[in-house]
Amino acid sequence: CTRRAARNMSYQGLTSIDGKVEELTEFTGQELLGLQLSAPLTSN
């Protein structure tokens, strides 16, 4: 997700250390276009 959103999540118990985001890598949106995803609930 975006870095801003990850920062928010880190203060809500969604990361291992409160307030810290363990970044693994960075993408531009263009690098992620065309990905195949499995989405919950949809029939696709």
All heavy atoms as atom14 arrays in JSON, in Angstrom:
{
  "sequence": "CTRRAARNMSYQGLTSIDGKVEELTEFTGQELLGLQLSAPLTSN",
  "atom14_mask": [
    [1, 1, 1, 1, 1, 1, 0, 0, 0, 0, 0, 0, 0, 0],
    [1, 1, 1, 1, 1, 1, 1, 0, 0, 0, 0, 0, 0, 0],
    [1, 1, 1, 1, 1, 1, 1, 1, 1, 1, 1, 0, 0, 0],
    [1, 1, 1, 1, 1, 1, 1, 1, 1, 1, 1, 0, 0, 0],
    [1, 1, 1, 1, 1, 0, 0, 0, 0, 0, 0, 0, 0, 0],
    [1, 1, 1, 1, 1, 0, 0, 0, 0, 0, 0, 0, 0, 0],
    [1, 1, 1, 1, 1, 1, 1, 1, 1, 1, 1, 0, 0, 0],
    [1, 1, 1, 1, 1, 1, 1, 1, 0, 0, 0, 0, 0, 0],
    [1, 1, 1, 1, 1, 1, 1, 1, 0, 0, 0, 0, 0, 0],
    [1, 1, 1, 1, 1, 1, 0, 0, 0, 0, 0, 0, 0, 0],
    [1, 1, 1, 1, 1, 1, 1, 1, 1, 1, 1, 1, 0, 0],
    [1, 1, 1, 1, 1, 1, 1, 1, 1, 0, 0, 0, 0, 0],
    [1, 1, 1, 1, 0, 0, 0, 0, 0, 0, 0, 0, 0, 0],
    [1, 1, 1, 1, 1, 1, 1, 1, 0, 0, 0, 0, 0, 0],
    [1, 1, 1, 1, 1, 1, 1, 0, 0, 0, 0, 0, 0, 0],
    [1, 1, 1, 1, 1, 1, 0, 0, 0, 0, 0, 0, 0, 0],
    [1, 1, 1, 1, 1, 1, 1, 1, 0, 0, 0, 0, 0, 0],
    [1, 1, 1, 1, 1, 1, 1, 1, 0, 0, 0, 0, 0, 0],
    [1, 1, 1, 1, 0, 0, 0, 0, 0, 0, 0, 0, 0, 0],
    [1, 1, 1, 1, 1, 1, 1, 1, 1, 0, 0, 0, 0, 0],
    [1, 1, 1, 1, 1, 1, 1, 0, 0, 0, 0, 0, 0, 0],
    [1, 1, 1, 1, 1, 1, 1, 1, 1, 0, 0, 0, 0, 0],
    [1, 1, 1, 1, 1, 1, 1, 1, 1, 0, 0, 0, 0, 0],
    [1, 1, 1, 1, 1, 1, 1, 1, 0, 0, 0, 0, 0, 0],
    [1, 1, 1, 1, 1, 1, 1, 0, 0, 0, 0, 0, 0, 0],
    [1, 1, 1, 1, 1, 1, 1, 1, 1, 0, 0, 0, 0, 0],
    [1, 1, 1, 1, 1, 1, 1, 1, 1, 1, 1, 0, 0, 0],
    [1, 1, 1, 1, 1, 1, 1, 0, 0, 0, 0, 0, 0, 0],
    [1, 1, 1, 1, 0, 0, 0, 0, 0, 0, 0, 0, 0, 0],
    [1, 1, 1, 1, 1, 1, 1, 1, 1, 0, 0, 0, 0, 0],
    [1, 1, 1, 1, 1, 1, 1, 1, 1, 0, 0, 0, 0, 0],
    [1, 1, 1, 1, 1, 1, 1, 1, 0, 0, 0, 0, 0, 0],
    [1, 1, 1, 1, 1, 1, 1, 1, 0, 0, 0, 0, 0, 0],
    [1, 1, 1, 1, 0, 0, 0, 0, 0, 0, 0, 0, 0, 0],
    [1, 1, 1, 1, 1, 1, 1, 1, 0, 0, 0, 0, 0, 0],
    [1, 1, 1, 1, 1, 1, 1, 1, 1, 0, 0, 0, 0, 0],
    [1, 1, 1, 1, 1, 1, 1, 1, 0, 0, 0, 0, 0, 0],
    [1, 1, 1, 1, 1, 1, 0, 0, 0, 0, 0, 0, 0, 0],
    [1, 1, 1, 1, 1, 0, 0, 0, 0, 0, 0, 0, 0, 0],
    [1, 1, 1, 1, 1, 1, 1, 0, 0, 0, 0, 0, 0, 0],
    [1, 1, 1, 1, 1, 1, 1, 1, 0, 0, 0, 0, 0, 0],
    [1, 1, 1, 1, 1, 1, 1, 0, 0, 0, 0, 0, 0, 0],
    [1, 1, 1, 1, 1, 1, 0, 0, 0, 0, 0, 0, 0, 0],
    [1, 1, 1, 1, 1, 1, 1, 1, 0, 0, 0, 0, 0, 0]
  ],
  "atom14_positions": [
    [[0.86, -1.18, 0.0], [0.0, 0.0, 0.0], [0.9, 1.23, 0.0], [2.12, 1.12, -0.12], [-0.94, -0.01, 1.21], [-0.08, 0.13, 2.8], [0.0, 0.0, 0.0], [0.0, 0.0, 0.0], [0.0, 0.0, 0.0], [0.0, 0.0, 0.0], [0.0, 0.0, 0.0], [0.0, 0.0, 0.0], [0.0, 0.0, 0.0], [0.0, 0.0, 0.0]],
    [[0.33, 2.42, 0.16], [1.15, 3.63, 0.23], [1.9, 3.69, 1.56], [1.47, 3.1, 2.56], [0.29, 4.9, 0.08], [-0.68, 4.92, 1.13], [-0.39, 4.95, -1.27], [0.0, 0.0, 0.0], [0.0, 0.0, 0.0], [0.0, 0.0, 0.0], [0.0, 0.0, 0.0], [0.0, 0.0, 0.0], [0.0, 0.0, 0.0], [0.0, 0.0, 0.0]],
    [[2.98, 4.43, 1.57], [3.77, 4.59, 2.8], [2.96, 5.3, 3.88], [3.06, 4.99, 5.06], [5.05, 5.37, 2.46], [6.03, 5.46, 3.6], [7.35, 6.08, 3.14], [8.25, 5.09, 2.52], [8.51, 5.01, 1.23], [7.94, 5.85, 0.39], [9.35, 4.1, 0.76], [0.0, 0.0, 0.0], [0.0, 0.0, 0.0], [0.0, 0.0, 0.0]],
    [[2.14, 6.26, 3.48], [1.31, 6.99, 4.44], [0.33, 6.06, 5.14], [0.15, 6.12, 6.37], [0.53, 8.1, 3.72], [-0.33, 8.98, 4.63], [-1.38, 9.73, 3.83], [-2.31, 8.81, 3.22], [-3.37, 8.3, 3.83], [-3.64, 8.63, 5.08], [-4.17, 7.45, 3.22], [0.0, 0.0, 0.0], [0.0, 0.0, 0.0], [0.0, 0.0, 0.0]],
    [[-0.31, 5.17, 4.39], [-1.26, 4.23, 4.97], [-0.56, 3.25, 5.9], [-1.06, 2.9, 6.97], [-2.02, 3.5, 3.87], [0.0, 0.0, 0.0], [0.0, 0.0, 0.0], [0.0, 0.0, 0.0], [0.0, 0.0, 0.0], [0.0, 0.0, 0.0], [0.0, 0.0, 0.0], [0.0, 0.0, 0.0], [0.0, 0.0, 0.0], [0.0, 0.0, 0.0]],
    [[0.63, 2.79, 5.48], [1.39, 1.85, 6.31], [1.76, 2.48, 7.64], [1.75, 1.83, 8.69], [2.64, 1.4, 5.57], [0.0, 0.0, 0.0], [0.0, 0.0, 0.0], [0.0, 0.0, 0.0], [0.0, 0.0, 0.0], [0.0, 0.0, 0.0], [0.0, 0.0, 0.0], [0.0, 0.0, 0.0], [0.0, 0.0, 0.0], [0.0, 0.0, 0.0]],
    [[2.08, 3.79, 7.61], [2.4, 4.51, 8.86], [1.2, 4.48, 9.8], [1.34, 4.23, 11.01], [2.79, 5.94, 8.53], [3.11, 6.82, 9.74], [3.61, 8.18, 9.27], [3.94, 9.07, 10.37], [3.21, 10.13, 10.72], [2.1, 10.43, 10.05], [3.58, 10.91, 11.72], [0.0, 0.0, 0.0], [0.0, 0.0, 0.0], [0.0, 0.0, 0.0]],
    [[0.0, 4.72, 9.27], [-1.21, 4.64, 10.09], [-1.39, 3.25, 10.68], [-1.68, 3.09, 11.86], [-2.44, 5.0, 9.25], [-2.87, 6.44, 9.42], [-3.51, 6.81, 10.4], [-2.48, 7.26, 8.46], [0.0, 0.0, 0.0], [0.0, 0.0, 0.0], [0.0, 0.0, 0.0], [0.0, 0.0, 0.0], [0.0, 0.0, 0.0], [0.0, 0.0, 0.0]],
    [[-1.21, 2.24, 9.84], [-1.42, 0.85, 10.28], [-0.48, 0.46, 11.4], [-0.83, -0.32, 12.29], [-1.23, -0.1, 9.09], [-2.27, 0.05, 8.01], [-1.88, -1.03, 6.59], [-2.93, -0.3, 5.33], [0.0, 0.0, 0.0], [0.0, 0.0, 0.0], [0.0, 0.0, 0.0], [0.0, 0.0, 0.0], [0.0, 0.0, 0.0], [0.0, 0.0, 0.0]],
    [[0.74, 1.03, 11.38], [1.74, 0.64, 12.37], [1.35, 1.06, 13.78], [1.9, 0.54, 14.76], [3.1, 1.24, 12.0], [3.12, 2.64, 12.19], [0.0, 0.0, 0.0], [0.0, 0.0, 0.0], [0.0, 0.0, 0.0], [0.0, 0.0, 0.0], [0.0, 0.0, 0.0], [0.0, 0.0, 0.0], [0.0, 0.0, 0.0], [0.0, 0.0, 0.0]],
    [[0.41, 1.99, 13.91], [-0.04, 2.42, 15.23], [-1.35, 1.74, 15.64], [-1.96, 2.1, 16.64], [-0.22, 3.94, 15.25], [1.1, 4.68, 15.24], [1.67, 5.08, 14.03], [1.8, 4.94, 16.41], [2.89, 5.75, 14.01], [3.01, 5.59, 16.39], [3.56, 5.99, 15.19], [4.77, 6.64, 15.17], [0.0, 0.0, 0.0], [0.0, 0.0, 0.0]],
    [[-1.77, 0.74, 14.85], [-3.04, 0.07, 15.12], [-2.87, -1.43, 15.34], [-3.79, -2.22, 15.12], [-4.03, 0.34, 13.98], [-4.36, 1.82, 13.83], [-5.17, 2.14, 12.59], [-6.01, 1.35, 12.15], [-4.93, 3.31, 12.01], [0.0, 0.0, 0.0], [0.0, 0.0, 0.0], [0.0, 0.0, 0.0], [0.0, 0.0, 0.0], [0.0, 0.0, 0.0]],
    [[-1.65, -1.83, 15.73], [-1.4, -3.24, 16.01], [-1.27, -4.11, 14.78], [-1.35, -5.34, 14.88], [0.0, 0.0, 0.0], [0.0, 0.0, 0.0], [0.0, 0.0, 0.0], [0.0, 0.0, 0.0], [0.0, 0.0, 0.0], [0.0, 0.0, 0.0], [0.0, 0.0, 0.0], [0.0, 0.0, 0.0], [0.0, 0.0, 0.0], [0.0, 0.0, 0.0]],
    [[-1.08, -3.5, 13.6], [-1.02, -4.28, 12.37], [0.42, -4.56, 11.93], [0.64, -5.25, 10.93], [-1.77, -3.55, 11.25], [-3.28, -3.37, 11.51], [-3.92, -2.53, 10.42], [-3.98, -4.72, 11.6], [0.0, 0.0, 0.0], [0.0, 0.0, 0.0], [0.0, 0.0, 0.0], [0.0, 0.0, 0.0], [0.0, 0.0, 0.0], [0.0, 0.0, 0.0]],
    [[1.4, -4.02, 12.67], [2.8, -4.35, 12.42], [3.4, -4.95, 13.69], [2.85, -4.81, 14.78], [3.61, -3.09, 12.01], [3.47, -2.09, 13.02], [3.12, -2.55, 10.68], [0.0, 0.0, 0.0], [0.0, 0.0, 0.0], [0.0, 0.0, 0.0], [0.0, 0.0, 0.0], [0.0, 0.0, 0.0], [0.0, 0.0, 0.0], [0.0, 0.0, 0.0]],
    [[4.53, -5.62, 13.54], [5.13, -6.33, 14.67], [5.55, -5.39, 15.8], [5.41, -5.71, 16.98], [6.35, -7.14, 14.2], [5.97, -8.08, 13.21], [0.0, 0.0, 0.0], [0.0, 0.0, 0.0], [0.0, 0.0, 0.0], [0.0, 0.0, 0.0], [0.0, 0.0, 0.0], [0.0, 0.0, 0.0], [0.0, 0.0, 0.0], [0.0, 0.0, 0.0]],
    [[6.08, -4.21, 15.43], [6.51, -3.23, 16.43], [5.64, -2.0, 16.29], [5.48, -1.45, 15.19], [7.99, -2.86, 16.23], [8.87, -4.12, 16.34], [8.43, -1.82, 17.26], [10.33, -3.86, 16.03], [0.0, 0.0, 0.0], [0.0, 0.0, 0.0], [0.0, 0.0, 0.0], [0.0, 0.0, 0.0], [0.0, 0.0, 0.0], [0.0, 0.0, 0.0]],
    [[5.06, -1.55, 17.4], [4.16, -0.4, 17.38], [4.88, 0.84, 16.87], [5.94, 1.22, 17.36], [3.62, -0.15, 18.79], [2.5, 0.88, 18.79], [1.6, 0.77, 17.96], [2.55, 1.81, 19.62], [0.0, 0.0, 0.0], [0.0, 0.0, 0.0], [0.0, 0.0, 0.0], [0.0, 0.0, 0.0], [0.0, 0.0, 0.0], [0.0, 0.0, 0.0]],
    [[4.31, 1.46, 15.85], [4.87, 2.69, 15.3], [6.01, 2.5, 14.32], [6.6, 3.47, 13.85], [0.0, 0.0, 0.0], [0.0, 0.0, 0.0], [0.0, 0.0, 0.0], [0.0, 0.0, 0.0], [0.0, 0.0, 0.0], [0.0, 0.0, 0.0], [0.0, 0.0, 0.0], [0.0, 0.0, 0.0], [0.0, 0.0, 0.0], [0.0, 0.0, 0.0]],
    [[6.35, 1.25, 13.99], [7.47, 1.01, 13.08], [7.02, 0.17, 11.89], [6.35, -0.86, 12.06], [8.6, 0.28, 13.82], [9.85, 0.07, 12.95], [10.98, -0.57, 13.73], [12.22, -0.77, 12.86], [13.34, -1.4, 13.61], [0.0, 0.0, 0.0], [0.0, 0.0, 0.0], [0.0, 0.0, 0.0], [0.0, 0.0, 0.0], [0.0, 0.0, 0.0]],
    [[7.38, 0.61, 10.7], [7.06, -0.12, 9.47], [8.34, -0.77, 8.95], [9.31, -0.08, 8.64], [6.48, 0.83, 8.4], [6.21, 0.06, 7.1], [5.2, 1.49, 8.91], [0.0, 0.0, 0.0], [0.0, 0.0, 0.0], [0.0, 0.0, 0.0], [0.0, 0.0, 0.0], [0.0, 0.0, 0.0], [0.0, 0.0, 0.0], [0.0, 0.0, 0.0]],
    [[8.33, -2.09, 8.84], [9.49, -2.82, 8.32], [9.36, -2.93, 6.8], [8.78, -3.86, 6.26], [9.56, -4.21, 8.95], [10.81, -4.99, 8.6], [10.81, -6.4, 9.19], [10.07, -6.64, 10.16], [11.56, -7.25, 8.65], [0.0, 0.0, 0.0], [0.0, 0.0, 0.0], [0.0, 0.0, 0.0], [0.0, 0.0, 0.0], [0.0, 0.0, 0.0]],
    [[9.9, -1.92, 6.1], [9.79, -1.87, 4.65], [10.7, -2.91, 4.0], [11.88, -3.02, 4.35], [10.15, -0.48, 4.13], [9.15, 0.59, 4.49], [9.42, 1.9, 3.77], [10.09, 1.87, 2.7], [8.97, 2.95, 4.26], [0.0, 0.0, 0.0], [0.0, 0.0, 0.0], [0.0, 0.0, 0.0], [0.0, 0.0, 0.0], [0.0, 0.0, 0.0]],
    [[10.15, -3.63, 3.02], [10.92, -4.64, 2.3], [11.37, -4.13, 0.94], [12.48, -4.43, 0.5], [10.08, -5.91, 2.14], [9.57, -6.54, 3.45], [8.72, -7.75, 3.15], [10.75, -6.92, 4.35], [0.0, 0.0, 0.0], [0.0, 0.0, 0.0], [0.0, 0.0, 0.0], [0.0, 0.0, 0.0], [0.0, 0.0, 0.0], [0.0, 0.0, 0.0]],
    [[10.51, -3.37, 0.29], [10.87, -2.8, -1.01], [9.85, -1.74, -1.39], [8.81, -1.58, -0.73], [10.95, -3.88, -2.11], [11.52, -3.31, -3.3], [9.56, -4.43, -2.44], [0.0, 0.0, 0.0], [0.0, 0.0, 0.0], [0.0, 0.0, 0.0], [0.0, 0.0, 0.0], [0.0, 0.0, 0.0], [0.0, 0.0, 0.0], [0.0, 0.0, 0.0]],
    [[10.16, -1.01, -2.48], [9.26, 0.04, -2.96], [8.92, -0.22, -4.43], [9.76, -0.7, -5.2], [9.92, 1.41, -2.82], [9.05, 2.57, -3.27], [9.78, 3.91, -3.21], [10.6, 4.19, -4.13], [9.55, 4.66, -2.25], [0.0, 0.0, 0.0], [0.0, 0.0, 0.0], [0.0, 0.0, 0.0], [0.0, 0.0, 0.0], [0.0, 0.0, 0.0]],
    [[7.69, 0.08, -4.81], [7.23, -0.05, -6.19], [6.64, 1.27, -6.65], [6.12, 2.04, -5.85], [6.11, -1.1, -6.32], [6.45, -2.49, -5.87], [6.16, -2.89, -4.57], [7.03, -3.4, -6.74], [6.44, -4.18, -4.15], [7.32, -4.68, -6.32], [7.03, -5.08, -5.02], [0.0, 0.0, 0.0], [0.0, 0.0, 0.0], [0.0, 0.0, 0.0]],
    [[6.69, 1.51, -7.95], [5.78, 2.51, -8.53], [4.51, 1.76, -8.88], [4.52, 0.53, -9.08], [6.37, 3.14, -9.8], [6.57, 2.1, -10.79], [7.68, 3.84, -9.5], [0.0, 0.0, 0.0], [0.0, 0.0, 0.0], [0.0, 0.0, 0.0], [0.0, 0.0, 0.0], [0.0, 0.0, 0.0], [0.0, 0.0, 0.0], [0.0, 0.0, 0.0]],
    [[3.41, 2.48, -8.98], [2.16, 1.83, -9.36], [2.28, 1.12, -10.69], [1.72, 0.03, -10.89], [0.0, 0.0, 0.0], [0.0, 0.0, 0.0], [0.0, 0.0, 0.0], [0.0, 0.0, 0.0], [0.0, 0.0, 0.0], [0.0, 0.0, 0.0], [0.0, 0.0, 0.0], [0.0, 0.0, 0.0], [0.0, 0.0, 0.0], [0.0, 0.0, 0.0]],
    [[3.04, 1.71, -11.62], [3.18, 1.12, -12.95], [3.82, -0.27, -12.88], [3.47, -1.16, -13.67], [4.0, 2.04, -13.85], [4.07, 1.56, -15.3], [4.45, 2.67, -16.25], [4.52, 3.83, -15.86], [4.68, 2.32, -17.51], [0.0, 0.0, 0.0], [0.0, 0.0, 0.0], [0.0, 0.0, 0.0], [0.0, 0.0, 0.0], [0.0, 0.0, 0.0]],
    [[4.74, -0.47, -11.94], [5.38, -1.77, -11.8], [4.4, -2.85, -11.36], [4.64, -4.04, -11.57], [6.52, -1.69, -10.78], [7.73, -0.88, -11.24], [8.79, -0.82, -10.17], [8.65, -0.03, -9.21], [9.78, -1.58, -10.27], [0.0, 0.0, 0.0], [0.0, 0.0, 0.0], [0.0, 0.0, 0.0], [0.0, 0.0, 0.0], [0.0, 0.0, 0.0]],
    [[3.3, -2.44, -10.74], [2.33, -3.4, -10.2], [1.12, -3.59, -11.11], [0.23, -4.39, -10.8], [1.85, -2.93, -8.82], [2.92, -2.84, -7.73], [2.36, -2.15, -6.49], [3.44, -4.24, -7.37], [0.0, 0.0, 0.0], [0.0, 0.0, 0.0], [0.0, 0.0, 0.0], [0.0, 0.0, 0.0], [0.0, 0.0, 0.0], [0.0, 0.0, 0.0]],
    [[1.06, -2.86, -12.23], [-0.09, -2.99, -13.14], [-0.04, -4.33, -13.87], [1.02, -4.84, -14.21], [-0.09, -1.84, -14.14], [-0.36, -0.45, -13.56], [-0.28, 0.62, -14.65], [-1.71, -0.4, -12.87], [0.0, 0.0, 0.0], [0.0, 0.0, 0.0], [0.0, 0.0, 0.0], [0.0, 0.0, 0.0], [0.0, 0.0, 0.0], [0.0, 0.0, 0.0]],
    [[-1.22, -4.89, -14.12], [-1.33, -6.16, -14.82], [-1.17, -7.38, -13.92], [-1.18, -8.51, -14.41], [0.0, 0.0, 0.0], [0.0, 0.0, 0.0], [0.0, 0.0, 0.0], [0.0, 0.0, 0.0], [0.0, 0.0, 0.0], [0.0, 0.0, 0.0], [0.0, 0.0, 0.0], [0.0, 0.0, 0.0], [0.0, 0.0, 0.0], [0.0, 0.0, 0.0]],
    [[-1.04, -7.17, -12.6], [-0.92, -8.32, -11.68], [-2.23, -9.1, -11.61], [-3.32, -8.53, -11.68], [-0.57, -7.84, -10.27], [0.84, -7.34, -9.98], [0.94, -6.97, -8.51], [1.87, -8.4, -10.33], [0.0, 0.0, 0.0], [0.0, 0.0, 0.0], [0.0, 0.0, 0.0], [0.0, 0.0, 0.0], [0.0, 0.0, 0.0], [0.0, 0.0, 0.0]],
    [[-2.1, -10.4, -11.45], [-3.26, -11.24, -11.21], [-3.48, -11.34, -9.7], [-2.56, -11.66, -8.95], [-3.06, -12.63, -11.8], [-3.01, -12.67, -13.32], [-2.92, -14.1, -13.85], [-2.78, -15.05, -13.08], [-3.01, -14.26, -15.16], [0.0, 0.0, 0.0], [0.0, 0.0, 0.0], [0.0, 0.0, 0.0], [0.0, 0.0, 0.0], [0.0, 0.0, 0.0]],
    [[-4.72, -11.07, -9.28], [-5.07, -11.1, -7.86], [-6.24, -12.04, -7.61], [-7.09, -12.24, -8.48], [-5.46, -9.69, -7.38], [-4.49, -8.55, -7.64], [-5.13, -7.22, -7.23], [-3.18, -8.76, -6.9], [0.0, 0.0, 0.0], [0.0, 0.0, 0.0], [0.0, 0.0, 0.0], [0.0, 0.0, 0.0], [0.0, 0.0, 0.0], [0.0, 0.0, 0.0]],
    [[-6.27, -12.58, -6.42], [-7.43, -13.33, -5.95], [-8.14, -12.46, -4.93], [-7.56, -12.11, -3.89], [-6.99, -14.65, -5.3], [-8.1, -15.31, -4.72], [0.0, 0.0, 0.0], [0.0, 0.0, 0.0], [0.0, 0.0, 0.0], [0.0, 0.0, 0.0], [0.0, 0.0, 0.0], [0.0, 0.0, 0.0], [0.0, 0.0, 0.0], [0.0, 0.0, 0.0]],
    [[-9.38, -12.06, -5.23], [-10.13, -11.13, -4.38], [-11.24, -11.86, -3.64], [-11.9, -12.74, -4.21], [-10.72, -10.01, -5.24], [0.0, 0.0, 0.0], [0.0, 0.0, 0.0], [0.0, 0.0, 0.0], [0.0, 0.0, 0.0], [0.0, 0.0, 0.0], [0.0, 0.0, 0.0], [0.0, 0.0, 0.0], [0.0, 0.0, 0.0], [0.0, 0.0, 0.0]],
    [[-11.46, -11.52, -2.37], [-12.51, -12.2, -1.6], [-13.91, -11.88, -2.09], [-14.16, -10.78, -2.6], [-12.29, -11.68, -0.18], [-11.57, -10.39, -0.34], [-10.73, -10.53, -1.57], [0.0, 0.0, 0.0], [0.0, 0.0, 0.0], [0.0, 0.0, 0.0], [0.0, 0.0, 0.0], [0.0, 0.0, 0.0], [0.0, 0.0, 0.0], [0.0, 0.0, 0.0]],
    [[-14.81, -12.86, -1.98], [-16.25, -12.77, -2.23], [-16.65, -12.74, -3.71], [-17.69, -13.28, -4.08], [-16.87, -11.55, -1.54], [-16.74, -11.49, 0.0], [-17.53, -10.31, 0.55], [-17.18, -12.77, 0.66], [0.0, 0.0, 0.0], [0.0, 0.0, 0.0], [0.0, 0.0, 0.0], [0.0, 0.0, 0.0], [0.0, 0.0, 0.0], [0.0, 0.0, 0.0]],
    [[-15.87, -12.13, -4.59], [-16.28, -12.02, -5.98], [-16.3, -13.39, -6.68], [-15.54, -14.3, -6.32], [-15.34, -11.08, -6.76], [-15.75, -11.02, -8.13], [-13.89, -11.56, -6.73], [0.0, 0.0, 0.0], [0.0, 0.0, 0.0], [0.0, 0.0, 0.0], [0.0, 0.0, 0.0], [0.0, 0.0, 0.0], [0.0, 0.0, 0.0], [0.0, 0.0, 0.0]],
    [[-17.15, -13.5, -7.69], [-17.24, -14.75, -8.47], [-16.12, -14.84, -9.5], [-15.92, -15.91, -10.1], [-18.6, -14.82, -9.18], [-18.8, -13.69, -10.01], [0.0, 0.0, 0.0], [0.0, 0.0, 0.0], [0.0, 0.0, 0.0], [0.0, 0.0, 0.0], [0.0, 0.0, 0.0], [0.0, 0.0, 0.0], [0.0, 0.0, 0.0], [0.0, 0.0, 0.0]],
    [[-15.39, -13.75, -9.73], [-14.24, -13.78, -10.64], [-13.05, -14.44, -9.94], [-12.6, -13.98, -8.89], [-13.85, -12.36, -11.07], [-14.84, -11.76, -12.05], [-15.33, -12.45, -12.94], [-15.14, -10.49, -11.89], [0.0, 0.0, 0.0], [0.0, 0.0, 0.0], [0.0, 0.0, 0.0], [0.0, 0.0, 0.0], [0.0, 0.0, 0.0], [0.0, 0.0, 0.0]]
  ]
}
